[in-house]
Amino acid sequence: MWTRNVAVFDWRGKRLKTYPIVIEEREGGPRDTEFASEALKRARDDKLVPEDELEGLTAKVPEKIKLWR
């Protein structure tokens, strides 16, 4: 299982909610766009914004952090 936290933003860029998204493990792993798509589906299902504002939502998967030692 792959898990990433994905932030959902309104049309002004204000972060509305962060969803933990889980995608089944498979060869090659999931793409960031798959995580973002799932987060937008959850926002729609949760009625995070009115129906007419759904088109303005965006989702962003945080950049992977490199740890330097």
PDB file of N, CA and C in Angstrom:
ATOM      1  N   MET A   1       0.847  -1.184   0.000  1.00  0.00           N
ATOM      2  CA  MET A   1       0.000   0.000   0.000  1.00  0.00           C
ATOM      3  C   MET A   1       0.891   1.245   0.000  1.00  0.00           C
ATOM      4  N   TRP A   2       0.507   2.182  -0.805  1.00  0.00           N
ATOM      5  CA  TRP A   2       1.188   3.474  -0.868  1.00  0.00           C
ATOM      6  C   TRP A   2       0.276   4.502  -0.215  1.00  0.00           C
ATOM      7  N   THR A   3       0.806   5.288   0.703  1.00  0.00           N
ATOM      8  CA  THR A   3       0.027   6.320   1.383  1.00  0.00           C
ATOM      9  C   THR A   3       0.730   7.659   1.237  1.00  0.00           C
ATOM     10  N   ARG A   4      -0.042   8.671   0.856  1.00  0.00           N
ATOM     11  CA  ARG A   4       0.483  10.046   0.761  1.00  0.00           C
ATOM     12  C   ARG A   4      -0.581  10.988   1.284  1.00  0.00           C
ATOM     13  N   ASN A   5      -0.157  12.059   1.911  1.00  0.00           N
ATOM     14  CA  ASN A   5      -1.076  13.117   2.304  1.00  0.00           C
ATOM     15  C   ASN A   5      -1.180  14.084   1.134  1.00  0.00           C
ATOM     16  N   VAL A   6      -2.420  14.407   0.765  1.00  0.00           N
ATOM     17  CA  VAL A   6      -2.652  15.274  -0.390  1.00  0.00           C
ATOM     18  C   VAL A   6      -3.506  16.457   0.053  1.00  0.00           C
ATOM     19  N   ALA A   7      -3.031  17.664  -0.206  1.00  0.00           N
ATOM     20  CA  ALA A   7      -3.752  18.875   0.170  1.00  0.00           C
ATOM     21  C   ALA A   7      -4.691  19.296  -0.959  1.00  0.00           C
ATOM     22  N   VAL A   8      -5.897  19.722  -0.575  1.00  0.00           N
ATOM     23  CA  VAL A   8      -6.884  20.212  -1.541  1.00  0.00           C
ATOM     24  C   VAL A   8      -7.033  21.717  -1.322  1.00  0.00           C
ATOM     25  N   PHE A   9      -6.979  22.469  -2.426  1.00  0.00           N
ATOM     26  CA  PHE A   9      -7.027  23.928  -2.391  1.00  0.00           C
ATOM     27  C   PHE A   9      -8.238  24.448  -3.158  1.00  0.00           C
ATOM     28  N   ASP A  10      -8.757  25.612  -2.729  1.00  0.00           N
ATOM     29  CA  ASP A  10      -9.844  26.240  -3.482  1.00  0.00           C
ATOM     30  C   ASP A  10      -9.249  27.068  -4.622  1.00  0.00           C
ATOM     31  N   TRP A  11     -10.096  27.754  -5.373  1.00  0.00           N
ATOM     32  CA  TRP A  11      -9.645  28.493  -6.560  1.00  0.00           C
ATOM     33  C   TRP A  11      -8.721  29.662  -6.222  1.00  0.00           C
ATOM     34  N   ARG A  12      -8.734  30.111  -4.942  1.00  0.00           N
ATOM     35  CA  ARG A  12      -7.849  31.205  -4.526  1.00  0.00           C
ATOM     36  C   ARG A  12      -6.502  30.704  -4.031  1.00  0.00           C
ATOM     37  N   GLY A  13      -6.361  29.375  -3.900  1.00  0.00           N
ATOM     38  CA  GLY A  13      -5.123  28.803  -3.394  1.00  0.00           C
ATOM     39  C   GLY A  13      -5.136  28.550  -1.901  1.00  0.00           C
ATOM     40  N   LYS A  14      -6.279  28.712  -1.261  1.00  0.00           N
ATOM     41  CA  LYS A  14      -6.399  28.461   0.177  1.00  0.00           C
ATOM     42  C   LYS A  14      -6.544  26.960   0.411  1.00  0.00           C
ATOM     43  N   ARG A  15      -5.690  26.420   1.307  1.00  0.00           N
ATOM     44  CA  ARG A  15      -5.780  24.992   1.618  1.00  0.00           C
ATOM     45  C   ARG A  15      -7.037  24.741   2.436  1.00  0.00           C
ATOM     46  N   LEU A  16      -7.869  23.828   1.949  1.00  0.00           N
ATOM     47  CA  LEU A  16      -9.130  23.513   2.621  1.00  0.00           C
ATOM     48  C   LEU A  16      -9.012  22.292   3.516  1.00  0.00           C
ATOM     49  N   LYS A  17      -8.302  21.279   3.040  1.00  0.00           N
ATOM     50  CA  LYS A  17      -8.195  20.039   3.801  1.00  0.00           C
ATOM     51  C   LYS A  17      -7.067  19.197   3.232  1.00  0.00           C
ATOM     52  N   THR A  18      -6.483  18.373   4.092  1.00  0.00           N
ATOM     53  CA  THR A  18      -5.474  17.417   3.654  1.00  0.00           C
ATOM     54  C   THR A  18      -6.012  16.014   3.902  1.00  0.00           C
ATOM     55  N   TYR A  19      -5.989  15.211   2.858  1.00  0.00           N
ATOM     56  CA  TYR A  19      -6.500  13.842   2.934  1.00  0.00           C
ATOM     57  C   TYR A  19      -5.356  12.842   2.906  1.00  0.00           C
ATOM     58  N   PRO A  20      -5.398  11.815   3.762  1.00  0.00           N
ATOM     59  CA  PRO A  20      -4.464  10.709   3.603  1.00  0.00           C
ATOM     60  C   PRO A  20      -5.026   9.768   2.532  1.00  0.00           C
ATOM     61  N   ILE A  21      -4.309   9.588   1.462  1.00  0.00           N
ATOM     62  CA  ILE A  21      -4.778   8.772   0.336  1.00  0.00           C
ATOM     63  C   ILE A  21      -3.957   7.487   0.277  1.00  0.00           C
ATOM     64  N   VAL A  22      -4.657   6.370   0.166  1.00  0.00           N
ATOM     65  CA  VAL A  22      -4.005   5.062   0.093  1.00  0.00           C
ATOM     66  C   VAL A  22      -4.329   4.440  -1.261  1.00  0.00           C
ATOM     67  N   ILE A  23      -3.283   3.980  -1.951  1.00  0.00           N
ATOM     68  CA  ILE A  23      -3.445   3.331  -3.247  1.00  0.00           C
ATOM     69  C   ILE A  23      -2.752   1.977  -3.169  1.00  0.00           C
ATOM     70  N   GLU A  24      -3.395   0.980  -3.737  1.00  0.00           N
ATOM     71  CA  GLU A  24      -2.855  -0.386  -3.724  1.00  0.00           C
ATOM     72  C   GLU A  24      -1.459  -0.435  -4.333  1.00  0.00           C
ATOM     73  N   GLU A  25      -0.641  -1.280  -3.763  1.00  0.00           N
ATOM     74  CA  GLU A  25       0.718  -1.444  -4.271  1.00  0.00           C
ATOM     75  C   GLU A  25       0.704  -2.244  -5.575  1.00  0.00           C
ATOM     76  N   ARG A  26       1.540  -1.808  -6.494  1.00  0.00           N
ATOM     77  CA  ARG A  26       1.678  -2.503  -7.769  1.00  0.00           C
ATOM     78  C   ARG A  26       3.049  -2.161  -8.341  1.00  0.00           C
ATOM     79  N   GLU A  27       3.433  -2.871  -9.359  1.00  0.00           N
ATOM     80  CA  GLU A  27       4.741  -2.649  -9.964  1.00  0.00           C
ATOM     81  C   GLU A  27       4.835  -1.233 -10.515  1.00  0.00           C
ATOM     82  N   GLY A  28       5.915  -0.566 -10.213  1.00  0.00           N
ATOM     83  CA  GLY A  28       6.115   0.803 -10.676  1.00  0.00           C
ATOM     84  C   GLY A  28       5.535   1.851  -9.743  1.00  0.00           C
ATOM     85  N   GLY A  29       4.618   1.469  -8.890  1.00  0.00           N
ATOM     86  CA  GLY A  29       4.018   2.407  -7.935  1.00  0.00           C
ATOM     87  C   GLY A  29       3.074   3.398  -8.595  1.00  0.00           C
ATOM     88  N   PRO A  30       2.253   4.054  -7.787  1.00  0.00           N
ATOM     89  CA  PRO A  30       1.298   5.025  -8.323  1.00  0.00           C
ATOM     90  C   PRO A  30       1.967   6.358  -8.656  1.00  0.00           C
ATOM     91  N   ARG A  31       1.318   7.118  -9.502  1.00  0.00           N
ATOM     92  CA  ARG A  31       1.806   8.452  -9.869  1.00  0.00           C
ATOM     93  C   ARG A  31       1.140   9.493  -8.972  1.00  0.00           C
ATOM     94  N   ASP A  32       1.769  10.656  -8.864  1.00  0.00           N
ATOM     95  CA  ASP A  32       1.198  11.733  -8.052  1.00  0.00           C
ATOM     96  C   ASP A  32      -0.192  12.131  -8.536  1.00  0.00           C
ATOM     97  N   THR A  33      -0.415  12.046  -9.850  1.00  0.00           N
ATOM     98  CA  THR A  33      -1.719  12.426 -10.391  1.00  0.00           C
ATOM     99  C   THR A  33      -2.826  11.503  -9.882  1.00  0.00           C
ATOM    100  N   GLU A  34      -2.487  10.242  -9.627  1.00  0.00           N
ATOM    101  CA  GLU A  34      -3.481   9.314  -9.087  1.00  0.00           C
ATOM    102  C   GLU A  34      -3.868   9.704  -7.662  1.00  0.00           C
ATOM    103  N   PHE A  35      -2.875  10.100  -6.858  1.00  0.00           N
ATOM    104  CA  PHE A  35      -3.164  10.552  -5.504  1.00  0.00           C
ATOM    105  C   PHE A  35      -4.021  11.822  -5.527  1.00  0.00           C
ATOM    106  N   ALA A  36      -3.667  12.759  -6.402  1.00  0.00           N
ATOM    107  CA  ALA A  36      -4.416  14.008  -6.503  1.00  0.00           C
ATOM    108  C   ALA A  36      -5.854  13.750  -6.939  1.00  0.00           C
ATOM    109  N   SER A  37      -6.036  12.872  -7.902  1.00  0.00           N
ATOM    110  CA  SER A  37      -7.377  12.544  -8.383  1.00  0.00           C
ATOM    111  C   SER A  37      -8.234  11.946  -7.271  1.00  0.00           C
ATOM    112  N   GLU A  38      -7.660  11.049  -6.490  1.00  0.00           N
ATOM    113  CA  GLU A  38      -8.392  10.442  -5.379  1.00  0.00           C
ATOM    114  C   GLU A  38      -8.769  11.485  -4.326  1.00  0.00           C
ATOM    115  N   ALA A  39      -7.872  12.433  -4.055  1.00  0.00           N
ATOM    116  CA  ALA A  39      -8.162  13.486  -3.078  1.00  0.00           C
ATOM    117  C   ALA A  39      -9.318  14.365  -3.557  1.00  0.00           C
ATOM    118  N   LEU A  40      -9.349  14.679  -4.848  1.00  0.00           N
ATOM    119  CA  LEU A  40     -10.442  15.489  -5.382  1.00  0.00           C
ATOM    120  C   LEU A  40     -11.768  14.733  -5.326  1.00  0.00           C
ATOM    121  N   LYS A  41     -11.726  13.429  -5.539  1.00  0.00           N
ATOM    122  CA  LYS A  41     -12.944  12.616  -5.404  1.00  0.00           C
ATOM    123  C   LYS A  41     -13.451  12.641  -3.964  1.00  0.00           C
ATOM    124  N   ARG A  42     -12.517  12.536  -3.011  1.00  0.00           N
ATOM    125  CA  ARG A  42     -12.918  12.579  -1.600  1.00  0.00           C
ATOM    126  C   ARG A  42     -13.503  13.935  -1.239  1.00  0.00           C
ATOM    127  N   ALA A  43     -12.923  15.015  -1.764  1.00  0.00           N
ATOM    128  CA  ALA A  43     -13.439  16.357  -1.493  1.00  0.00           C
ATOM    129  C   ALA A  43     -14.864  16.487  -2.026  1.00  0.00           C
ATOM    130  N   ARG A  44     -15.113  15.930  -3.214  1.00  0.00           N
ATOM    131  CA  ARG A  44     -16.456  15.949  -3.795  1.00  0.00           C
ATOM    132  C   ARG A  44     -17.420  15.139  -2.932  1.00  0.00           C
ATOM    133  N   ASP A  45     -17.008  13.935  -2.534  1.00  0.00           N
ATOM    134  CA  ASP A  45     -17.855  13.077  -1.716  1.00  0.00           C
ATOM    135  C   ASP A  45     -18.154  13.685  -0.348  1.00  0.00           C
ATOM    136  N   ASP A  46     -17.166  14.408   0.217  1.00  0.00           N
ATOM    137  CA  ASP A  46     -17.341  15.058   1.526  1.00  0.00           C
ATOM    138  C   ASP A  46     -18.100  16.380   1.422  1.00  0.00           C
ATOM    139  N   LYS A  47     -18.417  16.793   0.182  1.00  0.00           N
ATOM    140  CA  LYS A  47     -19.072  18.086  -0.063  1.00  0.00           C
ATOM    141  C   LYS A  47     -18.288  19.228   0.607  1.00  0.00           C
ATOM    142  N   LEU A  48     -16.987  19.223   0.329  1.00  0.00           N
ATOM    143  CA  LEU A  48     -16.079  20.208   0.905  1.00  0.00           C
ATOM    144  C   LEU A  48     -16.444  21.627   0.481  1.00  0.00           C
ATOM    145  N   VAL A  49     -16.929  21.762  -0.736  1.00  0.00           N
ATOM    146  CA  VAL A  49     -17.402  23.050  -1.253  1.00  0.00           C
ATOM    147  C   VAL A  49     -18.723  22.803  -1.974  1.00  0.00           C
ATOM    148  N   PRO A  50     -19.498  23.875  -2.236  1.00  0.00           N
ATOM    149  CA  PRO A  50     -20.722  23.698  -3.012  1.00  0.00           C
ATOM    150  C   PRO A  50     -20.423  23.119  -4.402  1.00  0.00           C
ATOM    151  N   GLU A  51     -21.392  22.441  -4.950  1.00  0.00           N
ATOM    152  CA  GLU A  51     -21.252  21.756  -6.243  1.00  0.00           C
ATOM    153  C   GLU A  51     -20.691  22.668  -7.340  1.00  0.00           C
ATOM    154  N   ASP A  52     -21.135  23.930  -7.371  1.00  0.00           N
ATOM    155  CA  ASP A  52     -20.678  24.832  -8.435  1.00  0.00           C
ATOM    156  C   ASP A  52     -19.228  25.297  -8.263  1.00  0.00           C
ATOM    157  N   GLU A  53     -18.594  25.000  -7.130  1.00  0.00           N
ATOM    158  CA  GLU A  53     -17.197  25.384  -6.910  1.00  0.00           C
ATOM    159  C   GLU A  53     -16.228  24.220  -7.072  1.00  0.00           C
ATOM    160  N   LEU A  54     -16.721  23.029  -7.367  1.00  0.00           N
ATOM    161  CA  LEU A  54     -15.853  21.855  -7.501  1.00  0.00           C
ATOM    162  C   LEU A  54     -14.819  22.013  -8.609  1.00  0.00           C
ATOM    163  N   GLU A  55     -15.200  22.663  -9.694  1.00  0.00           N
ATOM    164  CA  GLU A  55     -14.269  22.839 -10.825  1.00  0.00           C
ATOM    165  C   GLU A  55     -13.031  23.631 -10.433  1.00  0.00           C
ATOM    166  N   GLY A  56     -13.142  24.488  -9.418  1.00  0.00           N
ATOM    167  CA  GLY A  56     -12.022  25.330  -9.009  1.00  0.00           C
ATOM    168  C   GLY A  56     -11.060  24.666  -8.039  1.00  0.00           C
ATOM    169  N   LEU A  57     -11.383  23.460  -7.574  1.00  0.00           N
ATOM    170  CA  LEU A  57     -10.503  22.776  -6.623  1.00  0.00           C
ATOM    171  C   LEU A  57      -9.268  22.205  -7.316  1.00  0.00           C
ATOM    172  N   THR A  58      -8.157  22.247  -6.608  1.00  0.00           N
ATOM    173  CA  THR A  58      -6.933  21.610  -7.072  1.00  0.00           C
ATOM    174  C   THR A  58      -6.373  20.787  -5.923  1.00  0.00           C
ATOM    175  N   ALA A  59      -5.555  19.817  -6.255  1.00  0.00           N
ATOM    176  CA  ALA A  59      -4.923  18.977  -5.242  1.00  0.00           C
ATOM    177  C   ALA A  59      -3.430  18.934  -5.504  1.00  0.00           C
ATOM    178  N   LYS A  60      -2.667  18.922  -4.420  1.00  0.00           N
ATOM    179  CA  LYS A  60      -1.217  18.908  -4.562  1.00  0.00           C
ATOM    180  C   LYS A  60      -0.624  17.866  -3.631  1.00  0.00           C
ATOM    181  N   VAL A  61       0.221  17.039  -4.217  1.00  0.00           N
ATOM    182  CA  VAL A  61       0.983  16.055  -3.448  1.00  0.00           C
ATOM    183  C   VAL A  61       2.291  16.741  -3.070  1.00  0.00           C
ATOM    184  N   PRO A  62       2.633  16.772  -1.778  1.00  0.00           N
ATOM    185  CA  PRO A  62       3.885  17.432  -1.388  1.00  0.00           C
ATOM    186  C   PRO A  62       5.093  16.790  -2.052  1.00  0.00           C
ATOM    187  N   GLU A  63       6.109  17.595  -2.279  1.00  0.00           N
ATOM    188  CA  GLU A  63       7.351  17.091  -2.846  1.00  0.00           C
ATOM    189  C   GLU A  63       7.969  16.091  -1.884  1.00  0.00           C
ATOM    190  N   LYS A  64       8.649  15.119  -2.422  1.00  0.00           N
ATOM    191  CA  LYS A  64       9.357  14.149  -1.583  1.00  0.00           C
ATOM    192  C   LYS A  64      10.549  14.855  -0.952  1.00  0.00           C
ATOM    193  N   ILE A  65      10.757  14.591   0.293  1.00  0.00           N
ATOM    194  CA  ILE A  65      11.844  15.256   1.035  1.00  0.00           C
ATOM    195  C   ILE A  65      13.083  14.365   1.000  1.00  0.00           C
ATOM    196  N   LYS A  66      14.196  14.988   0.643  1.00  0.00           N
ATOM    197  CA  LYS A  66      15.468  14.269   0.681  1.00  0.00           C
ATOM    198  C   LYS A  66      16.147  14.587   2.009  1.00  0.00           C
ATOM    199  N   LEU A  67      16.589  13.577   2.684  1.00  0.00           N
ATOM    200  CA  LEU A  67      17.303  13.769   3.933  1.00  0.00           C
ATOM    201  C   LEU A  67      18.804  13.686   3.657  1.00  0.00           C
ATOM    202  N   TRP A  68      19.508  14.729   4.048  1.00  0.00           N
ATOM    203  CA  TRP A  68      20.964  14.766   3.835  1.00  0.00           C
ATOM    204  C   TRP A  68      21.639  14.385   5.130  1.00  0.00           C
ATOM    205  N   ARG A  69      22.627  13.550   5.045  1.00  0.00           N
ATOM    206  CA  ARG A  69      23.362  13.133   6.244  1.00  0.00           C
ATOM    207  C   ARG A  69      24.799  13.553   6.127  1.00  0.00           C
TER     208      ARG A  69
END
